[in-house]
């Protein structure tokens, strides 16, 4: 019996996409692409410790780093060592506020931060001493030092109509190794069910940086996650007024922001974000000097009933509550 005679073409194709005969060529194609990516990709590093030797900076007092998933790391001089000395963690490309950069360096010293980047000479004056130029950072959600094998788990773009389905790929960092995954085991993280669902969705949509291992039993390929890492994003200082932002900056109250951490229940307090430069002239469609009435142009309202009618100005909560 021919399946295609009794099922729509798209449905039959979806079934074939998950069969053992067709999944292997897909994986071989991905591995070929991965080898090309590995030649162009940055290396993922972790800080293995601070340098407490007694000598002048920059020869001492920096950091020791190592490439994750590797027994040897290629240092600035081309030699392969267990770890490499760098005088600085250069985070300029990550565009972090200074206070956040200082804090991240402190956390990195415990081995809880992964940095993607390159080792480059410190300067023309010290061409033999390296610095780690980081373009991306990932912090361990648990705050513990990174342990185990590091992977990026992401969608394989394979759609199936029945399980087990290899709808995920586990790419090993600093390697061309890539494995198909049919199931994510998040039990070692001891998280609530809704948090597990969010992590699974993140893996399928944007990818997830994790530590863990893959176990295969027949057609089922389960990746057990022991650690999760979040991408480091620049922190935006929150404010109530311009005076909170210091010189040459203003408090932008056009959006209602919350100081609460994700998942926390907090009071309905709106804050703005500090932005560089002087504040622009108030918009006519604003609640500035218009509380308890319409905006200057009459296009929106700033009174108690606007929330009922749905015609509040965008800055109503920030200006009038």
C-alpha atoms as a PDB file:
ATOM      1  CA  UNK A   1       0.000   0.000   0.000  1.00  0.00           C
ATOM      2  CA  UNK A   2       1.400   3.368  -1.004  1.00  0.00           C
ATOM      3  CA  UNK A   3       0.999   5.989   1.702  1.00  0.00           C
ATOM      4  CA  UNK A   4       0.920   8.907  -0.741  1.00  0.00           C
ATOM      5  CA  UNK A   5      -2.261   7.601  -2.405  1.00  0.00           C
ATOM      6  CA  UNK A   6      -4.240   7.880   0.809  1.00  0.00           C
ATOM      7  CA  UNK A   7      -2.732  10.949   2.500  1.00  0.00           C
ATOM      8  CA  UNK A   8      -2.223  14.550   1.352  1.00  0.00           C
ATOM      9  CA  UNK A   9       1.261  15.154  -0.020  1.00  0.00           C
ATOM     10  CA  UNK A  10       2.236  17.561   2.808  1.00  0.00           C
ATOM     11  CA  UNK A  11       1.099  15.054   5.440  1.00  0.00           C
ATOM     12  CA  UNK A  12       3.073  12.215   3.884  1.00  0.00           C
ATOM     13  CA  UNK A  13       6.145  14.449   3.653  1.00  0.00           C
ATOM     14  CA  UNK A  14       5.889  15.313   7.369  1.00  0.00           C
ATOM     15  CA  UNK A  15       5.838  11.604   8.220  1.00  0.00           C
ATOM     16  CA  UNK A  16       8.878  10.924   6.038  1.00  0.00           C
ATOM     17  CA  UNK A  17      10.773  13.828   7.600  1.00  0.00           C
ATOM     18  CA  UNK A  18      10.823  11.952  10.902  1.00  0.00           C
ATOM     19  CA  UNK A  19      11.720   8.535   9.590  1.00  0.00           C
ATOM     20  CA  UNK A  20      15.212   7.149  10.363  1.00  0.00           C
ATOM     21  CA  UNK A  21      15.973   6.905   6.643  1.00  0.00           C
ATOM     22  CA  UNK A  22      15.547  10.648   6.006  1.00  0.00           C
ATOM     23  CA  UNK A  23      16.725  12.193   9.310  1.00  0.00           C
ATOM     24  CA  UNK A  24      20.351  11.094   8.831  1.00  0.00           C
ATOM     25  CA  UNK A  25      20.986  13.082   5.594  1.00  0.00           C
ATOM     26  CA  UNK A  26      19.464  16.149   7.301  1.00  0.00           C
ATOM     27  CA  UNK A  27      21.916  15.738  10.186  1.00  0.00           C
ATOM     28  CA  UNK A  28      24.846  15.250   7.789  1.00  0.00           C
ATOM     29  CA  UNK A  29      23.918  18.519   6.064  1.00  0.00           C
ATOM     30  CA  UNK A  30      23.775  20.315   9.425  1.00  0.00           C
ATOM     31  CA  UNK A  31      27.172  18.920  10.418  1.00  0.00           C
ATOM     32  CA  UNK A  32      28.650  20.234   7.179  1.00  0.00           C
ATOM     33  CA  UNK A  33      27.232  23.679   7.891  1.00  0.00           C
ATOM     34  CA  UNK A  34      28.513  23.453  11.463  1.00  0.00           C
ATOM     35  CA  UNK A  35      32.079  22.853  10.295  1.00  0.00           C
ATOM     36  CA  UNK A  36      31.920  26.050   8.226  1.00  0.00           C
ATOM     37  CA  UNK A  37      30.444  27.956  11.164  1.00  0.00           C
ATOM     38  CA  UNK A  38      33.144  26.657  13.523  1.00  0.00           C
ATOM     39  CA  UNK A  39      35.897  28.146  11.342  1.00  0.00           C
ATOM     40  CA  UNK A  40      34.273  31.591  11.521  1.00  0.00           C
ATOM     41  CA  UNK A  41      32.827  31.474  15.035  1.00  0.00           C
ATOM     42  CA  UNK A  42      34.179  33.091  18.142  1.00  0.00           C
ATOM     43  CA  UNK A  43      35.445  30.924  20.981  1.00  0.00           C
ATOM     44  CA  UNK A  44      33.389  30.519  24.145  1.00  0.00           C
ATOM     45  CA  UNK A  45      35.500  31.081  27.271  1.00  0.00           C
ATOM     46  CA  UNK A  46      35.030  30.884  31.016  1.00  0.00           C
ATOM     47  CA  UNK A  47      37.192  32.534  33.683  1.00  0.00           C
ATOM     48  CA  UNK A  48      39.070  29.821  35.567  1.00  0.00           C
ATOM     49  CA  UNK A  49      40.430  32.206  38.208  1.00  0.00           C
ATOM     50  CA  UNK A  50      41.969  35.560  39.090  1.00  0.00           C
ATOM     51  CA  UNK A  51      45.719  36.138  38.906  1.00  0.00           C
ATOM     52  CA  UNK A  52      47.097  36.927  42.377  1.00  0.00           C
ATOM     53  CA  UNK A  53      50.775  36.833  41.476  1.00  0.00           C
ATOM     54  CA  UNK A  54      52.864  39.623  42.955  1.00  0.00           C
ATOM     55  CA  UNK A  55      54.065  41.663  40.011  1.00  0.00           C
ATOM     56  CA  UNK A  56      53.157  44.836  38.145  1.00  0.00           C
ATOM     57  CA  UNK A  57      50.052  45.116  35.968  1.00  0.00           C
ATOM     58  CA  UNK A  58      49.544  44.155  33.135  1.00  0.00           C
ATOM     59  CA  UNK A  59      51.992  41.264  33.537  1.00  0.00           C
ATOM     60  CA  UNK A  60      49.968  40.130  36.583  1.00  0.00           C
ATOM     61  CA  UNK A  61      46.655  40.847  38.358  1.00  0.00           C
ATOM     62  CA  UNK A  62      44.471  39.870  35.399  1.00  0.00           C
ATOM     63  CA  UNK A  63      42.484  36.705  34.744  1.00  0.00           C
ATOM     64  CA  UNK A  64      43.056  33.124  33.698  1.00  0.00           C
ATOM     65  CA  UNK A  65      40.585  31.901  31.076  1.00  0.00           C
ATOM     66  CA  UNK A  66      39.981  28.660  29.255  1.00  0.00           C
ATOM     67  CA  UNK A  67      37.903  27.553  26.281  1.00  0.00           C
ATOM     68  CA  UNK A  68      34.868  25.535  27.352  1.00  0.00           C
ATOM     69  CA  UNK A  69      34.674  21.878  26.332  1.00  0.00           C
ATOM     70  CA  UNK A  70      38.429  21.857  25.638  1.00  0.00           C
ATOM     71  CA  UNK A  71      41.334  20.336  27.562  1.00  0.00           C
ATOM     72  CA  UNK A  72      43.697  22.893  25.987  1.00  0.00           C
ATOM     73  CA  UNK A  73      43.145  26.553  25.087  1.00  0.00           C
ATOM     74  CA  UNK A  74      44.984  28.413  22.317  1.00  0.00           C
ATOM     75  CA  UNK A  75      46.665  31.450  23.881  1.00  0.00           C
ATOM     76  CA  UNK A  76      47.760  34.725  22.262  1.00  0.00           C
ATOM     77  CA  UNK A  77      51.184  33.353  21.292  1.00  0.00           C
ATOM     78  CA  UNK A  78      49.612  30.346  19.572  1.00  0.00           C
ATOM     79  CA  UNK A  79      50.601  27.872  22.274  1.00  0.00           C
ATOM     80  CA  UNK A  80      48.028  25.458  23.684  1.00  0.00           C
ATOM     81  CA  UNK A  81      47.770  25.606  27.465  1.00  0.00           C
ATOM     82  CA  UNK A  82      45.412  24.372  30.166  1.00  0.00           C
ATOM     83  CA  UNK A  83      44.476  28.045  30.690  1.00  0.00           C
ATOM     84  CA  UNK A  84      45.624  31.386  29.288  1.00  0.00           C
ATOM     85  CA  UNK A  85      46.470  34.605  31.096  1.00  0.00           C
ATOM     86  CA  UNK A  86      44.723  37.802  29.957  1.00  0.00           C
ATOM     87  CA  UNK A  87      45.220  41.191  31.539  1.00  0.00           C
ATOM     88  CA  UNK A  88      41.620  42.319  31.105  1.00  0.00           C
ATOM     89  CA  UNK A  89      38.078  41.322  30.216  1.00  0.00           C
ATOM     90  CA  UNK A  90      37.287  43.921  27.552  1.00  0.00           C
ATOM     91  CA  UNK A  91      33.490  44.261  27.607  1.00  0.00           C
ATOM     92  CA  UNK A  92      33.221  47.435  25.512  1.00  0.00           C
ATOM     93  CA  UNK A  93      31.517  45.623  22.607  1.00  0.00           C
ATOM     94  CA  UNK A  94      28.737  44.491  24.959  1.00  0.00           C
ATOM     95  CA  UNK A  95      27.824  48.172  25.566  1.00  0.00           C
ATOM     96  CA  UNK A  96      27.130  47.717  29.275  1.00  0.00           C
ATOM     97  CA  UNK A  97      26.849  50.592  31.759  1.00  0.00           C
ATOM     98  CA  UNK A  98      30.080  50.884  33.752  1.00  0.00           C
ATOM     99  CA  UNK A  99      28.524  49.712  37.021  1.00  0.00           C
ATOM    100  CA  UNK A 100      27.083  46.629  35.306  1.00  0.00           C
ATOM    101  CA  UNK A 101      30.440  45.849  33.642  1.00  0.00           C
ATOM    102  CA  UNK A 102      32.244  46.040  36.993  1.00  0.00           C
ATOM    103  CA  UNK A 103      29.664  43.726  38.569  1.00  0.00           C
ATOM    104  CA  UNK A 104      29.881  41.254  35.675  1.00  0.00           C
ATOM    105  CA  UNK A 105      33.673  41.019  36.012  1.00  0.00           C
ATOM    106  CA  UNK A 106      33.265  40.192  39.694  1.00  0.00           C
ATOM    107  CA  UNK A 107      30.711  37.467  38.956  1.00  0.00           C
ATOM    108  CA  UNK A 108      32.903  36.139  36.132  1.00  0.00           C
ATOM    109  CA  UNK A 109      35.737  35.524  38.577  1.00  0.00           C
ATOM    110  CA  UNK A 110      33.636  32.736  40.124  1.00  0.00           C
ATOM    111  CA  UNK A 111      33.304  30.949  36.772  1.00  0.00           C
ATOM    112  CA  UNK A 112      29.574  31.633  36.436  1.00  0.00           C
ATOM    113  CA  UNK A 113      29.832  33.686  33.208  1.00  0.00           C
ATOM    114  CA  UNK A 114      30.530  32.504  29.667  1.00  0.00           C
ATOM    115  CA  UNK A 115      32.131  34.958  27.239  1.00  0.00           C
ATOM    116  CA  UNK A 116      32.090  34.685  23.457  1.00  0.00           C
ATOM    117  CA  UNK A 117      34.999  36.494  21.833  1.00  0.00           C
ATOM    118  CA  UNK A 118      38.697  36.506  20.904  1.00  0.00           C
ATOM    119  CA  UNK A 119      42.037  36.921  22.650  1.00  0.00           C
ATOM    120  CA  UNK A 120      43.780  39.990  21.221  1.00  0.00           C
ATOM    121  CA  UNK A 121      46.962  41.939  22.111  1.00  0.00           C
ATOM    122  CA  UNK A 122      46.508  44.378  24.981  1.00  0.00           C
ATOM    123  CA  UNK A 123      48.140  47.293  23.146  1.00  0.00           C
ATOM    124  CA  UNK A 124      51.064  48.293  20.935  1.00  0.00           C
ATOM    125  CA  UNK A 125      53.069  48.784  24.100  1.00  0.00           C
ATOM    126  CA  UNK A 126      52.283  45.259  25.316  1.00  0.00           C
ATOM    127  CA  UNK A 127      51.741  43.168  22.158  1.00  0.00           C
ATOM    128  CA  UNK A 128      52.758  39.962  23.934  1.00  0.00           C
ATOM    129  CA  UNK A 129      50.062  40.273  26.620  1.00  0.00           C
ATOM    130  CA  UNK A 130      46.505  39.298  25.750  1.00  0.00           C
ATOM    131  CA  UNK A 131      43.078  40.652  26.641  1.00  0.00           C
ATOM    132  CA  UNK A 132      39.767  38.908  26.105  1.00  0.00           C
ATOM    133  CA  UNK A 133      37.574  40.983  23.791  1.00  0.00           C
ATOM    134  CA  UNK A 134      34.062  39.739  24.577  1.00  0.00           C
ATOM    135  CA  UNK A 135      31.141  40.396  22.242  1.00  0.00           C
ATOM    136  CA  UNK A 136      28.528  38.382  24.163  1.00  0.00           C
ATOM    137  CA  UNK A 137      28.141  37.146  27.713  1.00  0.00           C
ATOM    138  CA  UNK A 138      25.948  34.488  29.337  1.00  0.00           C
ATOM    139  CA  UNK A 139      25.330  34.247  33.079  1.00  0.00           C
ATOM    140  CA  UNK A 140      24.485  31.033  34.882  1.00  0.00           C
ATOM    141  CA  UNK A 141      20.903  31.319  36.110  1.00  0.00           C
ATOM    142  CA  UNK A 142      21.781  29.441  39.315  1.00  0.00           C
ATOM    143  CA  UNK A 143      24.819  31.633  40.023  1.00  0.00           C
ATOM    144  CA  UNK A 144      27.070  28.583  40.312  1.00  0.00           C
ATOM    145  CA  UNK A 145      30.275  28.009  38.359  1.00  0.00           C
ATOM    146  CA  UNK A 146      29.799  26.494  34.907  1.00  0.00           C
ATOM    147  CA  UNK A 147      30.169  22.718  35.001  1.00  0.00           C
ATOM    148  CA  UNK A 148      29.783  19.964  32.446  1.00  0.00           C
ATOM    149  CA  UNK A 149      29.610  20.126  28.670  1.00  0.00           C
ATOM    150  CA  UNK A 150      28.245  23.363  27.193  1.00  0.00           C
ATOM    151  CA  UNK A 151      25.796  23.313  24.274  1.00  0.00           C
ATOM    152  CA  UNK A 152      23.413  25.526  22.397  1.00  0.00           C
ATOM    153  CA  UNK A 153      20.062  23.758  22.072  1.00  0.00           C
ATOM    154  CA  UNK A 154      17.952  25.099  19.209  1.00  0.00           C
ATOM    155  CA  UNK A 155      15.256  24.166  16.719  1.00  0.00           C
ATOM    156  CA  UNK A 156      16.160  21.657  14.019  1.00  0.00           C
ATOM    157  CA  UNK A 157      13.318  22.955  11.793  1.00  0.00           C
ATOM    158  CA  UNK A 158      11.976  19.393  11.607  1.00  0.00           C
ATOM    159  CA  UNK A 159       8.214  18.957  12.114  1.00  0.00           C
ATOM    160  CA  UNK A 160       6.713  15.575  12.959  1.00  0.00           C
ATOM    161  CA  UNK A 161       3.245  14.151  13.490  1.00  0.00           C
ATOM    162  CA  UNK A 162       4.289  11.625  16.121  1.00  0.00           C
ATOM    163  CA  UNK A 163       6.928  11.202  18.824  1.00  0.00           C
ATOM    164  CA  UNK A 164       9.816  10.803  19.191  1.00  0.00           C
ATOM    165  CA  UNK A 165      10.602  13.749  16.934  1.00  0.00           C
ATOM    166  CA  UNK A 166      14.123  15.215  16.451  1.00  0.00           C
ATOM    167  CA  UNK A 167      12.825  18.786  16.555  1.00  0.00           C
ATOM    168  CA  UNK A 168      15.909  20.066  18.409  1.00  0.00           C
ATOM    169  CA  UNK A 169      19.650  20.151  17.830  1.00  0.00           C
ATOM    170  CA  UNK A 170      22.370  20.260  20.477  1.00  0.00           C
ATOM    171  CA  UNK A 171      25.452  22.080  19.160  1.00  0.00           C
ATOM    172  CA  UNK A 172      28.542  21.566  21.285  1.00  0.00           C
ATOM    173  CA  UNK A 173      30.449  24.836  21.793  1.00  0.00           C
ATOM    174  CA  UNK A 174      33.978  25.124  20.396  1.00  0.00           C
ATOM    175  CA  UNK A 175      33.319  22.009  18.321  1.00  0.00           C
ATOM    176  CA  UNK A 176      31.728  20.861  15.074  1.00  0.00           C
ATOM    177  CA  UNK A 177      29.721  18.238  16.985  1.00  0.00           C
ATOM    178  CA  UNK A 178      25.952  18.487  16.582  1.00  0.00           C
ATOM    179  CA  UNK A 179      23.380  15.973  17.801  1.00  0.00           C
ATOM    180  CA  UNK A 180      19.676  15.548  17.165  1.00  0.00           C
ATOM    181  CA  UNK A 181      17.435  15.802  20.246  1.00  0.00           C
ATOM    182  CA  UNK A 182      13.902  14.462  20.645  1.00  0.00           C
ATOM    183  CA  UNK A 183      13.309  15.384  24.306  1.00  0.00           C
ATOM    184  CA  UNK A 184      14.534  17.953  26.842  1.00  0.00           C
ATOM    185  CA  UNK A 185      14.862  16.697  30.409  1.00  0.00           C
ATOM    186  CA  UNK A 186      14.708  19.779  32.663  1.00  0.00           C
ATOM    187  CA  UNK A 187      14.074  17.847  35.895  1.00  0.00           C
ATOM    188  CA  UNK A 188      17.658  18.393  37.202  1.00  0.00           C
ATOM    189  CA  UNK A 189      16.900  22.137  37.358  1.00  0.00           C
ATOM    190  CA  UNK A 190      14.036  21.560  39.850  1.00  0.00           C
ATOM    191  CA  UNK A 191      11.925  24.346  38.329  1.00  0.00           C
ATOM    192  CA  UNK A 192       8.117  24.763  38.289  1.00  0.00           C
ATOM    193  CA  UNK A 193       6.269  23.301  35.322  1.00  0.00           C
ATOM    194  CA  UNK A 194       5.492  26.711  33.825  1.00  0.00           C
ATOM    195  CA  UNK A 195       9.197  27.621  33.944  1.00  0.00           C
ATOM    196  CA  UNK A 196      10.066  24.364  32.166  1.00  0.00           C
ATOM    197  CA  UNK A 197       7.525  25.162  29.466  1.00  0.00           C
ATOM    198  CA  UNK A 198       9.057  28.620  28.972  1.00  0.00           C
ATOM    199  CA  UNK A 199      12.567  27.167  28.630  1.00  0.00           C
ATOM    200  CA  UNK A 200      11.374  24.606  26.085  1.00  0.00           C
ATOM    201  CA  UNK A 201       9.681  27.361  24.084  1.00  0.00           C
ATOM    202  CA  UNK A 202      12.831  29.482  24.252  1.00  0.00           C
ATOM    203  CA  UNK A 203      14.912  26.575  22.957  1.00  0.00           C
ATOM    204  CA  UNK A 204      12.574  26.178  19.981  1.00  0.00           C
ATOM    205  CA  UNK A 205      12.365  29.885  19.149  1.00  0.00           C
ATOM    206  CA  UNK A 206      15.615  31.640  20.090  1.00  0.00           C
ATOM    207  CA  UNK A 207      17.871  28.838  21.265  1.00  0.00           C
ATOM    208  CA  UNK A 208      19.133  28.082  24.763  1.00  0.00           C
ATOM    209  CA  UNK A 209      22.678  27.983  26.175  1.00  0.00           C
ATOM    210  CA  UNK A 210      22.897  25.044  28.577  1.00  0.00           C
ATOM    211  CA  UNK A 211      25.174  22.539  30.250  1.00  0.00           C
ATOM    212  CA  UNK A 212      24.137  18.920  30.021  1.00  0.00           C
ATOM    213  CA  UNK A 213      24.428  15.609  28.235  1.00  0.00           C
ATOM    214  CA  UNK A 214      22.612  13.494  25.664  1.00  0.00           C
ATOM    215  CA  UNK A 215      21.380   9.959  26.264  1.00  0.00           C
ATOM    216  CA  UNK A 216      20.052   7.773  23.460  1.00  0.00           C
ATOM    217  CA  UNK A 217      17.571   4.938  23.884  1.00  0.00           C
ATOM    218  CA  UNK A 218      16.336   3.638  20.564  1.00  0.00           C
ATOM    219  CA  UNK A 219      14.827   6.498  18.578  1.00  0.00           C
ATOM    220  CA  UNK A 220      14.538   8.636  21.716  1.00  0.00           C
ATOM    221  CA  UNK A 221      17.395  11.105  22.231  1.00  0.00           C
ATOM    222  CA  UNK A 222      17.030  12.907  25.554  1.00  0.00           C
ATOM    223  CA  UNK A 223      19.159  15.906  26.483  1.00  0.00           C
ATOM    224  CA  UNK A 224      19.357  16.371  30.260  1.00  0.00           C
ATOM    225  CA  UNK A 225      19.921  20.019  31.227  1.00  0.00           C
ATOM    226  CA  UNK A 226      21.900  20.678  34.420  1.00  0.00           C
ATOM    227  CA  UNK A 227      22.512  24.447  34.006  1.00  0.00           C
ATOM    228  CA  UNK A 228      20.909  27.272  32.033  1.00  0.00           C
ATOM    229  CA  UNK A 229      22.642  30.484  30.951  1.00  0.00           C
ATOM    230  CA  UNK A 230      20.933  33.792  30.129  1.00  0.00           C
ATOM    231  CA  UNK A 231      22.264  36.331  27.611  1.00  0.00           C
ATOM    232  CA  UNK A 232      23.674  39.428  29.305  1.00  0.00           C
ATOM    233  CA  UNK A 233      21.780  42.541  28.216  1.00  0.00           C
ATOM    234  CA  UNK A 234      22.645  46.162  29.059  1.00  0.00           C
ATOM    235  CA  UNK A 235      20.755  47.309  32.119  1.00  0.00           C
ATOM    236  CA  UNK A 236      18.660  50.444  31.674  1.00  0.00           C
ATOM    237  CA  UNK A 237      18.747  52.636  34.805  1.00  0.00           C
ATOM    238  CA  UNK A 238      15.184  53.339  35.981  1.00  0.00           C
ATOM    239  CA  UNK A 239      14.100  56.728  37.266  1.00  0.00           C
ATOM    240  CA  UNK A 240      11.256  58.850  38.587  1.00  0.00           C
ATOM    241  CA  UNK A 241      12.603  62.211  37.423  1.00  0.00           C
ATOM    242  CA  UNK A 242      15.542  63.792  35.572  1.00  0.00           C
ATOM    243  CA  UNK A 243      17.469  64.274  38.828  1.00  0.00           C
ATOM    244  CA  UNK A 244      17.776  60.473  39.137  1.00  0.00           C
ATOM    245  CA  UNK A 245      19.793  60.263  35.931  1.00  0.00           C
ATOM    246  CA  UNK A 246      22.669  62.656  36.608  1.00  0.00           C
ATOM    247  CA  UNK A 247      24.189  65.164  34.215  1.00  0.00           C
ATOM    248  CA  UNK A 248      23.607  65.106  30.442  1.00  0.00           C
ATOM    249  CA  UNK A 249      20.708  62.652  30.782  1.00  0.00           C
ATOM    250  CA  UNK A 250      16.973  62.741  31.287  1.00  0.00           C
ATOM    251  CA  UNK A 251      14.226  60.468  32.547  1.00  0.00           C
ATOM    252  CA  UNK A 252      12.115  59.158  29.652  1.00  0.00           C
ATOM    253  CA  UNK A 253       8.634  58.447  31.053  1.00  0.00           C
ATOM    254  CA  UNK A 254       7.019  57.582  27.723  1.00  0.00           C
ATOM    255  CA  UNK A 255       6.831  53.900  28.741  1.00  0.00           C
ATOM    256  CA  UNK A 256       5.641  52.483  32.040  1.00  0.00           C
ATOM    257  CA  UNK A 257       8.518  50.357  33.365  1.00  0.00           C
ATOM    258  CA  UNK A 258       8.594  48.243  36.513  1.00  0.00           C
ATOM    259  CA  UNK A 259      11.514  47.834  38.926  1.00  0.00           C
ATOM    260  CA  UNK A 260      10.342  44.312  39.754  1.00  0.00           C
ATOM    261  CA  UNK A 261      12.256  41.223  38.747  1.00  0.00           C
ATOM    262  CA  UNK A 262      10.489  38.853  36.299  1.00  0.00           C
ATOM    263  CA  UNK A 263       7.967  36.664  38.064  1.00  0.00           C
ATOM    264  CA  UNK A 264       7.620  38.913  41.108  1.00  0.00           C
ATOM    265  CA  UNK A 265       4.340  40.518  42.180  1.00  0.00           C
ATOM    266  CA  UNK A 266       4.860  44.206  42.874  1.00  0.00           C
ATOM    267  CA  UNK A 267       2.890  47.376  43.371  1.00  0.00           C
ATOM    268  CA  UNK A 268       1.714  49.133  40.218  1.00  0.00           C
ATOM    269  CA  UNK A 269       4.472  51.739  40.167  1.00  0.00           C
ATOM    270  CA  UNK A 270       5.601  53.208  36.855  1.00  0.00           C
ATOM    271  CA  UNK A 271       9.170  54.289  36.317  1.00  0.00           C
ATOM    272  CA  UNK A 272      10.967  55.724  33.334  1.00  0.00           C
ATOM    273  CA  UNK A 273      14.346  54.962  31.769  1.00  0.00           C
ATOM    274  CA  UNK A 274      17.416  57.184  31.909  1.00  0.00           C
ATOM    275  CA  UNK A 275      18.513  58.282  28.446  1.00  0.00           C
ATOM    276  CA  UNK A 276      21.428  60.402  27.308  1.00  0.00           C
ATOM    277  CA  UNK A 277      20.897  64.029  26.321  1.00  0.00           C
ATOM    278  CA  UNK A 278      18.294  66.606  27.187  1.00  0.00           C
ATOM    279  CA  UNK A 279      14.614  65.743  27.392  1.00  0.00           C
ATOM    280  CA  UNK A 280      12.650  66.535  24.221  1.00  0.00           C
ATOM    281  CA  UNK A 281       9.848  69.040  24.284  1.00  0.00           C
ATOM    282  CA  UNK A 282       6.640  67.513  25.714  1.00  0.00           C
ATOM    283  CA  UNK A 283       4.360  65.969  23.132  1.00  0.00           C
ATOM    284  CA  UNK A 284       0.958  67.604  22.622  1.00  0.00           C
ATOM    285  CA  UNK A 285      -0.530  64.144  23.135  1.00  0.00           C
ATOM    286  CA  UNK A 286       0.884  63.996  26.667  1.00  0.00           C
ATOM    287  CA  UNK A 287      -0.321  64.226  30.260  1.00  0.00           C
ATOM    288  CA  UNK A 288       2.388  66.740  31.184  1.00  0.00           C
ATOM    289  CA  UNK A 289       0.482  69.607  32.869  1.00  0.00           C
ATOM    290  CA  UNK A 290      -2.781  67.949  31.745  1.00  0.00           C
ATOM    291  CA  UNK A 291      -3.781  65.627  34.581  1.00  0.00           C
ATOM    292  CA  UNK A 292      -7.558  65.416  35.241  1.00  0.00           C
ATOM    293  CA  UNK A 293      -8.339  66.530  31.701  1.00  0.00           C
ATOM    294  CA  UNK A 294      -7.532  66.119  27.994  1.00  0.00           C
ATOM    295  CA  UNK A 295      -4.060  66.440  26.516  1.00  0.00           C
ATOM    296  CA  UNK A 296      -3.060  69.741  24.932  1.00  0.00           C
ATOM    297  CA  UNK A 297      -4.188  68.573  21.500  1.00  0.00           C
ATOM    298  CA  UNK A 298      -7.297  66.778  22.817  1.00  0.00           C
ATOM    299  CA  UNK A 299      -6.278  63.479  21.230  1.00  0.00           C
ATOM    300  CA  UNK A 300      -6.109  61.558  24.535  1.00  0.00           C
ATOM    301  CA  UNK A 301      -7.129  61.980  28.183  1.00  0.00           C
ATOM    302  CA  UNK A 302      -5.483  62.076  31.597  1.00  0.00           C
ATOM    303  CA  UNK A 303      -8.442  61.668  33.971  1.00  0.00           C
ATOM    304  CA  UNK A 304      -9.664  58.774  36.084  1.00  0.00           C
ATOM    305  CA  UNK A 305     -12.161  57.596  33.470  1.00  0.00           C
ATOM    306  CA  UNK A 306      -9.666  57.242  30.629  1.00  0.00           C
ATOM    307  CA  UNK A 307      -8.750  53.744  31.749  1.00  0.00           C
ATOM    308  CA  UNK A 308     -12.426  52.768  31.422  1.00  0.00           C
ATOM    309  CA  UNK A 309     -12.816  54.301  27.968  1.00  0.00           C
ATOM    310  CA  UNK A 310      -9.346  53.242  26.810  1.00  0.00           C
ATOM    311  CA  UNK A 311      -8.315  56.710  25.618  1.00  0.00           C
ATOM    312  CA  UNK A 312      -5.488  57.483  28.105  1.00  0.00           C
ATOM    313  CA  UNK A 313      -2.357  59.212  26.898  1.00  0.00           C
ATOM    314  CA  UNK A 314       0.672  56.908  26.836  1.00  0.00           C
ATOM    315  CA  UNK A 315       2.306  58.660  29.806  1.00  0.00           C
ATOM    316  CA  UNK A 316      -0.883  58.816  31.935  1.00  0.00           C
ATOM    317  CA  UNK A 317       0.327  56.412  34.635  1.00  0.00           C
ATOM    318  CA  UNK A 318       3.787  57.971  34.773  1.00  0.00           C
ATOM    319  CA  UNK A 319       2.528  61.551  35.002  1.00  0.00           C
ATOM    320  CA  UNK A 320      -0.756  61.342  36.899  1.00  0.00           C
ATOM    321  CA  UNK A 321      -0.688  58.264  39.139  1.00  0.00           C
END
